[in-house]
């Protein structure tokens, strides 16, 4: 029988890579692309489980899922870091470098 490719395997792989790369952009793009990759993975995984002998590129699909999970975790950590910085230093210190230096010196003197 002729094997065919899963419809979203390449998209899941690309979105997983993009989620890792874009996690440094304040975390939001990486989180969004990672979630989209997981949703597409679930859709194709169900399709593959119905008839595994019909499809050939399940490895790409699984690799994309792993990359998407890593991207989601890194994005959540990045978002948590930015929330911590805003809560600890304040939004005014993040936009004013002189005030940030002053608060960092105060932190060192404690």
N, C-alpha and C. Protein backbone atom coordinates (compact mmCIF):
# COMPACT_ATOMS: atom_id res chain seq x y z
N UNK A 1 0.84 -1.17 0.00
CA UNK A 1 0.00 0.00 0.00
C UNK A 1 0.89 1.24 0.00
N UNK A 2 0.44 2.30 -0.65
CA UNK A 2 1.18 3.54 -0.74
C UNK A 2 1.00 4.35 0.53
N UNK A 3 2.12 4.71 1.16
CA UNK A 3 2.04 5.51 2.38
C UNK A 3 2.01 6.99 2.02
N UNK A 4 1.24 7.74 2.78
CA UNK A 4 1.16 9.18 2.56
C UNK A 4 1.60 9.91 3.82
N UNK A 5 1.87 11.19 3.67
CA UNK A 5 2.31 11.99 4.81
C UNK A 5 1.11 12.49 5.59
N UNK A 6 1.33 12.67 6.88
CA UNK A 6 0.29 13.25 7.72
C UNK A 6 0.10 14.71 7.31
N UNK A 7 -1.12 15.21 7.32
CA UNK A 7 -1.38 16.54 6.78
C UNK A 7 -0.67 17.69 7.49
N UNK A 8 -0.48 17.59 8.79
CA UNK A 8 0.08 18.71 9.55
C UNK A 8 1.43 18.40 10.19
N UNK A 9 2.10 17.34 9.77
CA UNK A 9 3.36 16.96 10.41
C UNK A 9 4.43 18.02 10.22
N UNK A 10 4.55 18.55 9.02
CA UNK A 10 5.55 19.59 8.76
C UNK A 10 5.18 20.88 9.50
N UNK A 11 3.90 21.21 9.55
CA UNK A 11 3.47 22.41 10.26
C UNK A 11 3.76 22.31 11.75
N UNK A 12 3.54 21.13 12.32
CA UNK A 12 3.83 20.94 13.75
C UNK A 12 5.32 21.08 14.01
N UNK A 13 6.14 20.53 13.13
CA UNK A 13 7.59 20.63 13.29
C UNK A 13 8.05 22.09 13.19
N UNK A 14 7.55 22.81 12.20
CA UNK A 14 7.94 24.21 12.02
C UNK A 14 7.45 25.06 13.19
N UNK A 15 6.21 24.85 13.63
CA UNK A 15 5.68 25.61 14.76
C UNK A 15 6.43 25.29 16.06
N UNK A 16 6.87 24.05 16.22
CA UNK A 16 7.68 23.71 17.39
C UNK A 16 9.00 24.42 17.39
N UNK A 17 9.65 24.52 16.24
CA UNK A 17 10.92 25.25 16.13
C UNK A 17 10.69 26.74 16.37
N UNK A 18 9.63 27.28 15.78
CA UNK A 18 9.33 28.71 15.95
C UNK A 18 9.00 29.02 17.42
N UNK A 19 8.36 28.11 18.12
CA UNK A 19 8.03 28.36 19.52
C UNK A 19 9.29 28.45 20.38
N UNK A 20 10.31 27.67 20.05
CA UNK A 20 11.57 27.77 20.80
C UNK A 20 12.29 29.06 20.46
N UNK A 21 12.34 29.39 19.18
CA UNK A 21 13.06 30.59 18.75
C UNK A 21 12.38 31.86 19.27
N UNK A 22 11.05 31.88 19.26
CA UNK A 22 10.34 33.11 19.62
C UNK A 22 9.99 33.21 21.10
N UNK A 23 10.48 32.30 21.92
CA UNK A 23 10.19 32.39 23.35
C UNK A 23 10.90 33.58 23.99
N UNK A 24 11.93 34.08 23.34
CA UNK A 24 12.66 35.24 23.87
C UNK A 24 11.97 36.56 23.58
N UNK A 25 10.94 36.56 22.76
CA UNK A 25 10.18 37.77 22.43
C UNK A 25 9.07 37.95 23.45
N UNK A 26 9.43 38.15 24.70
CA UNK A 26 8.51 38.30 25.83
C UNK A 26 7.66 37.06 26.09
N UNK A 27 7.94 35.96 25.42
CA UNK A 27 7.29 34.69 25.71
C UNK A 27 5.95 34.45 25.03
N UNK A 28 5.26 35.50 24.65
CA UNK A 28 3.90 35.34 24.12
C UNK A 28 3.88 34.64 22.76
N UNK A 29 4.70 35.05 21.78
CA UNK A 29 4.66 34.34 20.48
C UNK A 29 5.04 32.86 20.60
N UNK A 30 6.00 32.56 21.45
CA UNK A 30 6.39 31.17 21.65
C UNK A 30 5.29 30.34 22.28
N UNK A 31 4.56 30.95 23.19
CA UNK A 31 3.44 30.26 23.84
C UNK A 31 2.33 29.99 22.83
N UNK A 32 2.02 30.98 22.02
CA UNK A 32 0.94 30.83 21.03
C UNK A 32 1.29 29.77 19.99
N UNK A 33 2.49 29.83 19.43
CA UNK A 33 2.87 28.86 18.40
C UNK A 33 3.02 27.46 18.99
N UNK A 34 3.46 27.36 20.22
CA UNK A 34 3.56 26.05 20.87
C UNK A 34 2.20 25.42 21.10
N UNK A 35 1.24 26.22 21.51
CA UNK A 35 -0.12 25.69 21.74
C UNK A 35 -0.75 25.27 20.42
N UNK A 36 -0.55 26.07 19.37
CA UNK A 36 -1.08 25.70 18.05
C UNK A 36 -0.46 24.38 17.59
N UNK A 37 0.84 24.21 17.82
CA UNK A 37 1.52 22.97 17.42
C UNK A 37 0.95 21.77 18.18
N UNK A 38 0.67 21.94 19.46
CA UNK A 38 0.12 20.83 20.25
C UNK A 38 -1.28 20.47 19.76
N UNK A 39 -2.09 21.48 19.42
CA UNK A 39 -3.44 21.21 18.92
C UNK A 39 -3.37 20.46 17.58
N UNK A 40 -2.49 20.90 16.69
CA UNK A 40 -2.33 20.21 15.41
C UNK A 40 -1.78 18.81 15.59
N UNK A 41 -0.88 18.64 16.58
CA UNK A 41 -0.35 17.31 16.87
C UNK A 41 -1.47 16.36 17.30
N UNK A 42 -2.34 16.84 18.19
CA UNK A 42 -3.43 15.98 18.66
C UNK A 42 -4.34 15.56 17.51
N UNK A 43 -4.58 16.48 16.61
CA UNK A 43 -5.44 16.18 15.45
C UNK A 43 -4.80 15.10 14.56
N UNK A 44 -3.52 15.27 14.24
CA UNK A 44 -2.84 14.29 13.39
C UNK A 44 -2.55 12.98 14.12
N UNK A 45 -2.34 13.04 15.41
CA UNK A 45 -2.07 11.83 16.18
C UNK A 45 -3.31 10.91 16.17
N UNK A 46 -4.48 11.51 16.31
CA UNK A 46 -5.71 10.71 16.23
C UNK A 46 -5.86 10.08 14.86
N UNK A 47 -5.51 10.85 13.84
CA UNK A 47 -5.58 10.33 12.47
C UNK A 47 -4.61 9.17 12.29
N UNK A 48 -3.41 9.31 12.84
CA UNK A 48 -2.40 8.25 12.73
C UNK A 48 -2.81 7.00 13.51
N UNK A 49 -3.40 7.18 14.68
CA UNK A 49 -3.78 6.05 15.52
C UNK A 49 -4.89 5.21 14.87
N UNK A 50 -5.70 5.84 14.03
CA UNK A 50 -6.76 5.10 13.35
C UNK A 50 -6.20 4.11 12.34
N UNK A 51 -5.13 4.50 11.63
CA UNK A 51 -4.55 3.63 10.61
C UNK A 51 -3.04 3.92 10.49
N UNK A 52 -2.22 3.34 11.37
CA UNK A 52 -0.78 3.65 11.38
C UNK A 52 -0.04 3.23 10.11
N UNK A 53 -0.50 2.21 9.44
CA UNK A 53 0.22 1.74 8.25
C UNK A 53 0.02 2.65 7.04
N UNK A 54 -0.92 3.55 7.12
CA UNK A 54 -1.22 4.44 6.00
C UNK A 54 -0.30 5.66 5.95
N UNK A 55 0.32 6.02 7.09
CA UNK A 55 1.11 7.25 7.18
C UNK A 55 2.57 6.94 7.49
N UNK A 56 3.46 7.83 6.98
CA UNK A 56 4.88 7.52 7.07
C UNK A 56 5.69 8.46 7.96
N UNK A 57 5.23 9.66 8.24
CA UNK A 57 6.09 10.63 8.93
C UNK A 57 5.63 10.97 10.35
N UNK A 58 5.35 9.93 11.12
CA UNK A 58 4.97 10.14 12.51
C UNK A 58 6.15 10.65 13.34
N UNK A 59 7.38 10.32 12.94
CA UNK A 59 8.56 10.80 13.66
C UNK A 59 8.66 12.31 13.62
N UNK A 60 8.38 12.92 12.47
CA UNK A 60 8.39 14.39 12.38
C UNK A 60 7.31 14.99 13.27
N UNK A 61 6.17 14.36 13.31
CA UNK A 61 5.07 14.84 14.14
C UNK A 61 5.44 14.79 15.62
N UNK A 62 6.04 13.69 16.03
CA UNK A 62 6.44 13.54 17.43
C UNK A 62 7.56 14.50 17.80
N UNK A 63 8.51 14.71 16.90
CA UNK A 63 9.60 15.67 17.15
C UNK A 63 9.03 17.07 17.29
N UNK A 64 8.07 17.43 16.45
CA UNK A 64 7.43 18.74 16.55
C UNK A 64 6.71 18.91 17.87
N UNK A 65 6.10 17.85 18.37
CA UNK A 65 5.43 17.91 19.68
C UNK A 65 6.42 18.17 20.79
N UNK A 66 7.54 17.47 20.76
CA UNK A 66 8.56 17.66 21.79
C UNK A 66 9.11 19.08 21.74
N UNK A 67 9.38 19.59 20.55
CA UNK A 67 9.87 20.96 20.42
C UNK A 67 8.83 21.97 20.90
N UNK A 68 7.56 21.70 20.62
CA UNK A 68 6.50 22.60 21.07
C UNK A 68 6.40 22.62 22.60
N UNK A 69 6.54 21.47 23.22
CA UNK A 69 6.50 21.40 24.68
C UNK A 69 7.67 22.18 25.28
N UNK A 70 8.86 22.01 24.70
CA UNK A 70 10.03 22.76 25.17
C UNK A 70 9.79 24.26 24.98
N UNK A 71 9.26 24.65 23.83
CA UNK A 71 8.97 26.06 23.57
C UNK A 71 7.95 26.64 24.54
N UNK A 72 6.92 25.85 24.87
CA UNK A 72 5.92 26.31 25.83
C UNK A 72 6.53 26.51 27.21
N UNK A 73 7.35 25.56 27.63
CA UNK A 73 7.98 25.67 28.95
C UNK A 73 8.90 26.90 28.99
N UNK A 74 9.72 27.09 27.96
CA UNK A 74 10.60 28.25 27.93
C UNK A 74 9.81 29.56 27.88
N UNK A 75 8.71 29.57 27.17
CA UNK A 75 7.88 30.78 27.09
C UNK A 75 7.23 31.10 28.43
N UNK A 76 6.76 30.07 29.11
CA UNK A 76 6.15 30.29 30.43
C UNK A 76 7.21 30.80 31.41
N UNK A 77 8.42 30.25 31.35
CA UNK A 77 9.49 30.74 32.22
C UNK A 77 9.85 32.19 31.89
N UNK A 78 9.86 32.55 30.61
CA UNK A 78 10.16 33.92 30.21
C UNK A 78 9.08 34.87 30.70
N UNK A 79 7.83 34.48 30.55
CA UNK A 79 6.72 35.32 31.03
C UNK A 79 6.80 35.48 32.55
N UNK A 80 7.09 34.40 33.25
CA UNK A 80 7.21 34.46 34.71
C UNK A 80 8.36 35.38 35.12
N UNK A 81 9.46 35.34 34.38
CA UNK A 81 10.59 36.22 34.68
C UNK A 81 10.21 37.68 34.50
N UNK A 82 9.51 38.00 33.41
CA UNK A 82 9.12 39.38 33.19
C UNK A 82 8.10 39.85 34.22
N UNK A 83 7.20 38.98 34.63
CA UNK A 83 6.25 39.34 35.69
C UNK A 83 6.99 39.59 37.00
N UNK A 84 7.98 38.76 37.29
CA UNK A 84 8.77 38.96 38.50
C UNK A 84 9.51 40.30 38.45
N UNK A 85 10.12 40.61 37.31
CA UNK A 85 10.86 41.88 37.19
C UNK A 85 9.93 43.08 37.35
N UNK A 86 8.75 43.00 36.76
CA UNK A 86 7.80 44.10 36.89
C UNK A 86 7.33 44.23 38.33
N UNK A 87 7.09 43.11 38.99
CA UNK A 87 6.61 43.15 40.37
C UNK A 87 7.70 43.61 41.33
N UNK A 88 8.94 43.21 41.08
CA UNK A 88 10.02 43.51 42.01
C UNK A 88 10.59 44.91 41.80
N UNK A 89 10.87 45.27 40.55
CA UNK A 89 11.50 46.55 40.28
C UNK A 89 10.48 47.64 39.95
N UNK A 90 9.35 47.27 39.44
CA UNK A 90 8.34 48.24 39.04
C UNK A 90 8.48 48.60 37.58
N UNK A 91 7.37 48.98 36.98
CA UNK A 91 7.36 49.31 35.56
C UNK A 91 8.15 50.59 35.28
N UNK A 92 8.14 51.52 36.24
CA UNK A 92 8.87 52.76 36.03
C UNK A 92 10.37 52.53 35.97
N UNK A 93 10.89 51.58 36.74
CA UNK A 93 12.32 51.30 36.71
C UNK A 93 12.72 50.58 35.43
N UNK A 94 11.82 49.81 34.86
CA UNK A 94 12.15 49.12 33.62
C UNK A 94 12.23 50.08 32.44
N UNK A 95 11.53 51.19 32.51
CA UNK A 95 11.58 52.15 31.41
C UNK A 95 12.58 53.28 31.66
N UNK A 96 13.14 53.36 32.86
CA UNK A 96 14.10 54.41 33.20
C UNK A 96 15.40 53.75 33.67
N UNK A 97 16.46 53.76 32.85
CA UNK A 97 17.70 53.07 33.23
C UNK A 97 18.36 53.63 34.49
N UNK A 98 18.27 54.93 34.72
CA UNK A 98 18.89 55.51 35.91
C UNK A 98 18.20 55.03 37.18
N UNK A 99 16.88 54.97 37.15
CA UNK A 99 16.13 54.46 38.29
C UNK A 99 16.42 52.98 38.51
N UNK A 100 16.59 52.24 37.44
CA UNK A 100 16.92 50.81 37.55
C UNK A 100 18.29 50.63 38.21
N UNK A 101 19.28 51.44 37.83
CA UNK A 101 20.59 51.35 38.46
C UNK A 101 20.51 51.68 39.94
N UNK A 102 19.70 52.66 40.28
CA UNK A 102 19.52 53.04 41.68
C UNK A 102 18.91 51.90 42.49
N UNK A 103 17.90 51.25 41.92
CA UNK A 103 17.26 50.14 42.63
C UNK A 103 18.17 48.92 42.73
N UNK A 104 19.01 48.70 41.72
CA UNK A 104 19.97 47.60 41.79
C UNK A 104 21.03 47.88 42.85
N UNK A 105 21.48 49.14 42.97
CA UNK A 105 22.45 49.50 44.02
C UNK A 105 21.83 49.33 45.40
N UNK A 106 20.56 49.70 45.54
CA UNK A 106 19.86 49.49 46.82
C UNK A 106 19.76 48.01 47.15
N UNK A 107 19.55 47.20 46.13
CA UNK A 107 19.47 45.76 46.33
C UNK A 107 20.81 45.18 46.76
N UNK A 108 21.91 45.70 46.22
CA UNK A 108 23.24 45.22 46.59
C UNK A 108 23.63 45.63 48.00
N UNK A 109 23.14 46.76 48.45
CA UNK A 109 23.49 47.26 49.77
C UNK A 109 22.73 46.58 50.91
N UNK A 110 21.77 45.80 50.61
CA UNK A 110 20.99 45.11 51.66
C UNK A 110 21.75 44.04 52.32
